[in-house]
Amino acid sequence: MNNSISYCFFLGANSSRGFVSFFDSAVHDPAIRRNYVFKGGPGCGKSTSMRRLVESACQRGLRREIIYCSSDPSSLDGALLPEAGAAVYDGTSPHVIEMAFPGAEGQYVTAPPFLDGDGLVEKTAELRRTNRQLALHYQEVFRLTAAAGKIRDSIRAQLEPISDLRRLEKRASGIISREIPRGEGAGLEKKRFLSGITPQGILCFYDTVDALAGRVYDLRDPYGFAHILLTPILQAALRSGYDAYACYSPLHPDRLEHLIIPALSLAFVTSNDYYAYEKEAYRRINISGVVERESLREIRGKVRLLHKIEHALLDDAVAELHGTKKYHDHLEELYRPHLDFQALTACTEDLIQKILG
């Protein structure tokens, strides 16, 4: 593997269960000895500092795992630099990160003191009003994603009785025997989201797959059955001592959607109605083939209607997320005049020196 590569994930998802965080999975990665957790209000330079660190790591040719914010993919939520044994995170709500042993596990990085604290105090009422409006938008986002999740469950409930899901289990056994050599020890499951429900639409970081794997199985899965194939493959890889990026569905974060095993240069990705892997694949598997065709004809109209409803709900959720931007931006505008940018730059450079030397 080329060490000087960059790849991207989300660690948080706007899911059918509300906001779901996998930050603990990254923070407790044994390859990371020092975690630097940023604490500060909106617009206090957290993402800017992390970007500057990533740029410096790139200049040094270091491998970079970049974590984007699912509520604003133009902003960073973190970055892992395994060769430096360090990671940085935005540790503020909704993905609050608290270390059990600060100093031993890492340290908190706080924003520099405000230039005009009294002036910021005078804006408290407006800050609270803006934050309430932001919260109302997120409440609607999660109502919509919860409804979409129920519709997807309804589709599965219609299809499972007429599907031979044992075929997927048998297919998984064949893949395991061909692709997962027996090894020793226990591998590490790195929980991530490769895809996300965001203000920019429903995104999937397929470029990450190409950066970490040379052989890609593309699972064509319009009905949400891929996790039945992927789960035993993940378990086999971990039993054989291979670390794996287990990437879960952003709508149903208990269901595997993609799987990457870098040591084997092997990946399994899901293509569905929202995103599709269009590059050349090592193999393509039609997951929908497990559905019995004659029985499907009888309910095809209902399934199509349910899919349309799910799409409409998720389109509305994306629109609501897009609507949050003006409130995020306003909070940053309220804070920005009170920031000491010179001190922020000095703090960032000090952090880069600590991590990269």
Protein backbone atom coordinates (compact mmCIF):
# COMPACT_ATOMS: atom_id res chain seq x y z
CA MET A 1 0.00 0.00 0.00
CA ASN A 2 1.23 3.49 -0.86
CA ASN A 3 1.66 5.26 2.47
CA SER A 4 1.24 8.72 0.97
CA ILE A 5 -2.46 8.27 0.37
CA SER A 6 -5.55 9.99 1.61
CA TYR A 7 -8.93 8.39 2.18
CA CYS A 8 -12.20 9.62 3.65
CA PHE A 9 -14.99 8.43 5.90
CA PHE A 10 -17.76 9.78 8.09
CA LEU A 11 -17.84 8.88 11.79
CA GLY A 12 -21.34 10.27 12.35
CA ALA A 13 -24.63 9.60 10.57
CA ASN A 14 -27.99 11.34 10.35
CA SER A 15 -29.82 8.05 10.71
CA SER A 16 -33.27 6.62 11.34
CA ARG A 17 -32.24 6.49 15.04
CA GLY A 18 -31.17 10.13 15.16
CA PHE A 19 -27.50 11.09 15.18
CA VAL A 20 -25.29 8.00 15.52
CA SER A 21 -21.59 8.29 16.31
CA PHE A 22 -18.72 5.86 15.70
CA PHE A 23 -16.12 8.24 17.12
CA ASP A 24 -15.27 5.80 19.93
CA SER A 25 -14.18 3.21 17.38
CA ALA A 26 -11.58 5.63 16.00
CA VAL A 27 -10.49 7.14 19.32
CA HIS A 28 -9.66 3.70 20.72
CA ASP A 29 -7.65 2.55 17.70
CA PRO A 30 -4.43 1.04 19.17
CA ALA A 31 -2.39 2.58 16.32
CA ILE A 32 -3.28 6.03 17.71
CA ARG A 33 -1.30 6.85 20.85
CA ARG A 34 -2.25 10.52 21.12
CA ASN A 35 -5.71 11.99 20.53
CA TYR A 36 -6.08 15.76 20.30
CA VAL A 37 -9.69 16.77 20.90
CA PHE A 38 -10.78 20.27 19.91
CA LYS A 39 -13.24 22.07 22.16
CA GLY A 40 -14.76 25.37 21.15
CA GLY A 41 -17.83 27.14 19.83
CA PRO A 42 -18.96 27.42 16.20
CA GLY A 43 -16.52 29.19 13.94
CA CYS A 44 -13.65 28.94 16.44
CA GLY A 45 -11.24 27.41 13.92
CA LYS A 46 -11.53 23.67 14.70
CA SER A 47 -11.93 22.55 11.08
CA THR A 48 -9.41 25.13 9.84
CA SER A 49 -6.76 23.85 12.26
CA MET A 50 -7.39 20.24 11.29
CA ARG A 51 -7.13 21.09 7.59
CA ARG A 52 -3.80 22.78 8.19
CA LEU A 53 -2.54 19.65 9.96
CA VAL A 54 -3.73 17.44 7.08
CA GLU A 55 -1.94 19.68 4.57
CA SER A 56 1.27 19.43 6.60
CA ALA A 57 0.96 15.64 6.78
CA CYS A 58 0.43 15.55 3.01
CA GLN A 59 3.60 17.59 2.47
CA ARG A 60 5.48 14.99 4.52
CA GLY A 61 4.02 12.11 2.51
CA LEU A 62 2.11 10.61 5.42
CA ARG A 63 -1.01 8.48 5.12
CA ARG A 64 -4.15 10.40 6.08
CA GLU A 65 -7.60 9.22 7.10
CA ILE A 66 -9.85 12.26 6.82
CA ILE A 67 -13.17 12.40 8.64
CA TYR A 68 -15.81 14.65 7.14
CA CYS A 69 -18.87 16.06 8.88
CA SER A 70 -22.09 14.44 7.62
CA SER A 71 -24.04 17.61 8.46
CA ASP A 72 -21.57 19.77 6.48
CA PRO A 73 -19.20 17.80 4.21
CA SER A 74 -17.18 20.95 3.57
CA SER A 75 -16.07 20.76 7.21
CA LEU A 76 -13.79 18.27 8.95
CA ASP A 77 -14.72 16.28 12.02
CA GLY A 78 -11.28 14.73 12.38
CA ALA A 79 -8.15 13.24 10.87
CA LEU A 80 -6.14 10.13 11.77
CA LEU A 81 -2.41 9.98 11.04
CA PRO A 82 -1.46 6.39 11.92
CA GLU A 83 2.21 6.77 10.97
CA ALA A 84 2.48 9.67 13.41
CA GLY A 85 0.45 7.73 16.00
CA ALA A 86 -1.88 10.71 16.41
CA ALA A 87 -5.37 11.88 15.58
CA VAL A 88 -7.36 15.10 15.87
CA TYR A 89 -11.11 15.40 16.37
CA ASP A 90 -13.85 17.92 16.78
CA GLY A 91 -15.07 16.79 20.20
CA THR A 92 -18.11 19.06 20.51
CA SER A 93 -21.82 18.21 20.34
CA PRO A 94 -23.33 16.07 18.91
CA HIS A 95 -20.19 13.89 18.95
CA VAL A 96 -18.81 14.84 22.34
CA ILE A 97 -15.48 13.14 23.07
CA GLU A 98 -14.26 12.83 26.64
CA MET A 99 -11.02 11.04 27.47
CA ALA A 100 -10.88 8.84 30.55
CA PHE A 101 -7.19 9.67 31.05
CA PRO A 102 -6.29 13.08 29.60
CA GLY A 103 -2.55 13.40 29.24
CA ALA A 104 -2.07 9.65 28.90
CA GLU A 105 -4.48 9.19 25.99
CA GLY A 106 -4.02 12.65 24.51
CA GLN A 107 -5.13 16.16 25.32
CA TYR A 108 -7.83 18.73 24.77
CA VAL A 109 -7.20 21.66 22.45
CA THR A 110 -9.23 24.72 23.37
CA ALA A 111 -9.81 27.82 21.28
CA PRO A 112 -7.66 30.86 22.19
CA PRO A 113 -9.27 33.41 24.55
CA PHE A 114 -11.79 35.71 22.92
CA LEU A 115 -10.73 39.22 21.99
CA ASP A 116 -13.94 40.72 23.33
CA GLY A 117 -15.68 38.44 25.78
CA ASP A 118 -18.11 41.11 26.96
CA GLY A 119 -19.25 41.77 23.40
CA LEU A 120 -19.94 38.07 22.93
CA VAL A 121 -21.95 37.96 26.16
CA GLU A 122 -24.23 40.63 24.71
CA LYS A 123 -25.03 38.26 21.83
CA THR A 124 -26.20 35.44 24.11
CA ALA A 125 -29.90 35.88 23.35
CA GLU A 126 -29.31 35.84 19.59
CA LEU A 127 -27.01 32.84 19.87
CA ARG A 128 -29.70 30.95 21.75
CA ARG A 129 -32.43 31.94 19.27
CA THR A 130 -30.30 30.79 16.35
CA ASN A 131 -29.43 27.53 18.06
CA ARG A 132 -33.12 26.84 18.77
CA GLN A 133 -33.92 27.28 15.09
CA LEU A 134 -31.08 24.93 14.23
CA ALA A 135 -32.40 22.34 16.67
CA LEU A 136 -35.89 22.54 15.13
CA HIS A 137 -34.46 21.75 11.70
CA TYR A 138 -32.61 18.73 13.07
CA GLN A 139 -35.74 17.48 14.79
CA GLU A 140 -37.46 17.50 11.40
CA VAL A 141 -34.45 15.80 9.76
CA PHE A 142 -34.68 12.95 12.24
CA ARG A 143 -38.47 12.65 11.89
CA LEU A 144 -37.94 12.22 8.14
CA THR A 145 -35.06 9.75 8.43
CA ALA A 146 -37.01 7.73 11.02
CA ALA A 147 -39.97 7.55 8.62
CA ALA A 148 -37.68 6.57 5.73
CA GLY A 149 -36.18 3.83 7.89
CA LYS A 150 -39.63 2.41 8.60
CA ILE A 151 -40.48 2.42 4.91
CA ARG A 152 -37.25 0.56 4.12
CA ASP A 153 -38.13 -1.96 6.84
CA SER A 154 -41.54 -2.37 5.22
CA ILE A 155 -39.91 -3.12 1.86
CA ARG A 156 -37.74 -5.77 3.49
CA ALA A 157 -40.78 -7.25 5.26
CA GLN A 158 -42.53 -7.60 1.89
CA LEU A 159 -39.54 -9.25 0.23
CA GLU A 160 -37.99 -11.51 2.87
CA PRO A 161 -40.74 -14.18 2.70
CA ILE A 162 -40.21 -14.55 -1.06
CA SER A 163 -36.39 -14.46 -0.95
CA ASP A 164 -33.89 -17.31 -0.60
CA LEU A 165 -31.50 -15.55 1.76
CA ARG A 166 -29.60 -18.80 2.34
CA ARG A 167 -28.09 -18.28 -1.11
CA LEU A 168 -26.31 -15.21 0.25
CA GLU A 169 -24.94 -17.18 3.20
CA LYS A 170 -23.65 -19.87 0.81
CA ARG A 171 -22.16 -17.21 -1.44
CA ALA A 172 -20.40 -15.70 1.58
CA SER A 173 -18.91 -19.10 2.46
CA GLY A 174 -17.50 -19.44 -1.04
CA ILE A 175 -16.00 -15.95 -0.95
CA ILE A 176 -14.44 -16.62 2.45
CA SER A 177 -12.78 -19.82 1.24
CA ARG A 178 -11.33 -18.02 -1.81
CA GLU A 179 -10.50 -14.60 -0.42
CA ILE A 180 -9.76 -14.82 3.32
CA PRO A 181 -6.54 -16.77 4.03
CA ARG A 182 -6.34 -18.26 7.48
CA GLY A 183 -4.21 -16.23 9.86
CA GLU A 184 -3.48 -15.83 13.53
CA GLY A 185 -4.69 -13.41 16.15
CA ALA A 186 -7.76 -11.20 16.12
CA GLY A 187 -8.33 -8.41 13.68
CA LEU A 188 -9.69 -4.98 14.59
CA GLU A 189 -13.12 -3.86 13.40
CA LYS A 190 -12.93 -0.17 12.50
CA LYS A 191 -16.51 1.10 12.40
CA ARG A 192 -17.07 3.79 9.82
CA PHE A 193 -19.65 5.25 7.46
CA LEU A 194 -18.52 5.28 3.84
CA SER A 195 -21.81 6.90 2.84
CA GLY A 196 -23.87 9.63 4.45
CA ILE A 197 -27.13 11.57 4.34
CA THR A 198 -25.84 15.13 3.96
CA PRO A 199 -26.94 18.63 2.88
CA GLN A 200 -25.21 17.91 -0.44
CA GLY A 201 -27.29 14.79 -1.01
CA ILE A 202 -26.64 11.16 -0.17
CA LEU A 203 -22.91 10.72 -0.72
CA CYS A 204 -20.58 7.71 -0.89
CA PHE A 205 -16.77 7.92 -0.78
CA TYR A 206 -16.01 5.28 -3.39
CA ASP A 207 -12.57 6.88 -3.94
CA THR A 208 -11.67 5.60 -0.47
CA VAL A 209 -12.33 2.06 -1.67
CA ASP A 210 -10.00 2.51 -4.64
CA ALA A 211 -7.28 3.96 -2.37
CA LEU A 212 -7.37 0.97 -0.01
CA ALA A 213 -8.19 -1.99 -2.24
CA GLY A 214 -7.26 -3.30 -5.67
CA ARG A 215 -10.03 -5.90 -5.94
CA VAL A 216 -13.59 -4.68 -5.50
CA TYR A 217 -16.74 -6.77 -5.34
CA ASP A 218 -19.72 -4.62 -6.37
CA LEU A 219 -22.96 -5.76 -4.71
CA ARG A 220 -26.02 -4.60 -6.65
CA ASP A 221 -28.53 -4.37 -3.83
CA PRO A 222 -31.78 -2.40 -4.30
CA TYR A 223 -33.51 -4.12 -1.36
CA GLY A 224 -31.02 -3.91 1.52
CA PHE A 225 -29.89 -7.55 1.82
CA ALA A 226 -26.13 -6.97 1.40
CA HIS A 227 -25.44 -7.15 5.14
CA ILE A 228 -26.43 -10.84 5.11
CA LEU A 229 -23.54 -11.49 2.72
CA LEU A 230 -21.10 -9.08 4.34
CA THR A 231 -21.47 -9.98 8.02
CA PRO A 232 -19.94 -13.49 7.83
CA ILE A 233 -17.13 -12.17 5.60
CA LEU A 234 -16.31 -9.51 8.20
CA GLN A 235 -16.36 -12.09 10.99
CA ALA A 236 -14.07 -14.42 9.04
CA ALA A 237 -11.60 -11.62 8.33
CA LEU A 238 -11.45 -10.64 12.01
CA ARG A 239 -11.01 -14.26 13.12
CA SER A 240 -8.10 -14.57 10.69
CA GLY A 241 -6.36 -11.52 12.12
CA TYR A 242 -7.17 -8.94 9.43
CA ASP A 243 -8.20 -5.41 10.39
CA ALA A 244 -11.27 -4.26 8.47
CA TYR A 245 -13.16 -1.06 7.86
CA ALA A 246 -16.74 -2.12 8.55
CA CYS A 247 -18.90 0.55 6.95
CA TYR A 248 -22.51 0.60 8.07
CA SER A 249 -25.64 2.01 6.47
CA PRO A 250 -26.20 5.68 7.42
CA LEU A 251 -29.96 5.03 7.54
CA HIS A 252 -29.74 1.71 9.44
CA PRO A 253 -26.41 1.87 11.31
CA ASP A 254 -26.71 -1.71 12.57
CA ARG A 255 -26.47 -3.11 9.01
CA LEU A 256 -23.23 -3.51 7.10
CA GLU A 257 -23.21 -1.78 3.74
CA HIS A 258 -19.53 -1.83 2.66
CA LEU A 259 -16.43 -3.71 3.82
CA ILE A 260 -12.76 -2.90 3.19
CA ILE A 261 -9.88 -5.21 4.17
CA PRO A 262 -6.71 -3.25 3.30
CA ALA A 263 -4.19 -6.02 4.11
CA LEU A 264 -5.85 -8.20 1.46
CA SER A 265 -6.39 -5.27 -0.95
CA LEU A 266 -10.01 -6.41 -0.95
CA ALA A 267 -13.29 -4.51 -0.72
CA PHE A 268 -17.02 -5.12 -1.01
CA VAL A 269 -19.22 -2.15 -1.90
CA THR A 270 -22.94 -1.76 -2.21
CA SER A 271 -24.59 -0.09 -5.18
CA ASN A 272 -28.22 0.95 -4.76
CA ASP A 273 -30.74 3.58 -5.84
CA TYR A 274 -28.71 6.37 -4.20
CA TYR A 275 -25.15 5.60 -5.29
CA ALA A 276 -23.49 3.10 -7.60
CA TYR A 277 -19.92 1.91 -8.06
CA GLU A 278 -19.39 2.66 -11.75
CA LYS A 279 -15.69 1.81 -12.01
CA GLU A 280 -14.39 -1.55 -13.15
CA ALA A 281 -15.12 -4.15 -10.49
CA TYR A 282 -13.34 -7.44 -9.85
CA ARG A 283 -16.77 -9.07 -9.64
CA ARG A 284 -20.37 -7.90 -9.63
CA ILE A 285 -22.99 -9.76 -7.62
CA ASN A 286 -26.71 -9.22 -8.19
CA ILE A 287 -28.10 -9.41 -4.65
CA SER A 288 -31.67 -8.94 -5.89
CA GLY A 289 -31.39 -12.32 -7.61
CA VAL A 290 -32.38 -14.01 -4.33
CA VAL A 291 -35.93 -12.66 -4.74
CA GLU A 292 -38.30 -15.13 -6.39
CA ARG A 293 -39.40 -13.46 -9.65
CA GLU A 294 -42.94 -14.79 -9.97
CA SER A 295 -43.82 -13.80 -6.41
CA LEU A 296 -42.18 -10.39 -6.90
CA ARG A 297 -44.47 -9.65 -9.86
CA GLU A 298 -47.49 -9.79 -7.56
CA ILE A 299 -46.14 -7.08 -5.23
CA ARG A 300 -43.88 -5.13 -7.59
CA GLY A 301 -46.26 -2.15 -7.69
CA LYS A 302 -46.38 -1.90 -3.91
CA VAL A 303 -42.60 -2.19 -3.62
CA ARG A 304 -42.11 0.56 -6.22
CA LEU A 305 -44.54 2.81 -4.36
CA LEU A 306 -42.71 2.24 -1.08
CA HIS A 307 -39.40 3.04 -2.78
CA LYS A 308 -40.85 6.31 -4.09
CA ILE A 309 -42.04 7.25 -0.60
CA GLU A 310 -38.61 6.44 0.88
CA HIS A 311 -36.90 8.56 -1.78
CA ALA A 312 -39.25 11.47 -1.13
CA LEU A 313 -38.66 11.32 2.62
CA LEU A 314 -34.88 11.25 2.21
CA ASP A 315 -35.03 14.07 -0.35
CA ASP A 316 -36.88 16.13 2.24
CA ALA A 317 -34.32 15.19 4.91
CA VAL A 318 -31.52 16.39 2.62
CA ALA A 319 -33.42 19.64 2.02
CA GLU A 320 -33.84 20.15 5.77
CA LEU A 321 -30.13 19.55 6.31
CA HIS A 322 -29.39 22.08 3.58
CA GLY A 323 -31.65 24.53 5.43
CA THR A 324 -29.51 24.25 8.56
CA LYS A 325 -26.56 25.91 6.82
CA LYS A 326 -27.80 29.47 7.24
CA TYR A 327 -28.11 28.93 11.00
CA HIS A 328 -24.65 27.34 11.22
CA ASP A 329 -23.28 30.24 9.22
CA HIS A 330 -25.02 32.80 11.41
CA LEU A 331 -23.59 31.26 14.58
CA GLU A 332 -20.11 31.51 13.05
CA GLU A 333 -20.75 35.12 12.01
CA LEU A 334 -21.67 35.97 15.59
CA TYR A 335 -18.46 34.43 16.93
CA ARG A 336 -15.99 35.46 14.24
CA PRO A 337 -15.42 39.12 15.26
CA HIS A 338 -14.37 37.97 18.72
CA LEU A 339 -11.70 35.45 17.65
CA ASP A 340 -7.98 36.04 17.96
CA PHE A 341 -6.88 34.59 14.62
CA GLN A 342 -3.21 35.30 15.25
CA ALA A 343 -3.39 33.24 18.45
CA LEU A 344 -5.33 30.52 16.60
CA THR A 345 -2.59 30.28 13.95
CA ALA A 346 0.08 30.02 16.65
CA CYS A 347 -1.94 27.30 18.43
CA THR A 348 -2.29 25.36 15.16
CA GLU A 349 1.42 25.57 14.36
CA ASP A 350 2.27 24.40 17.87
CA LEU A 351 -0.03 21.40 17.43
CA ILE A 352 1.53 20.54 14.05
CA GLN A 353 4.96 20.64 15.66
CA LYS A 354 3.86 18.32 18.48
CA ILE A 355 2.37 15.79 16.09
CA LEU A 356 4.66 15.92 13.07
CA GLY A 357 7.86 17.40 14.54
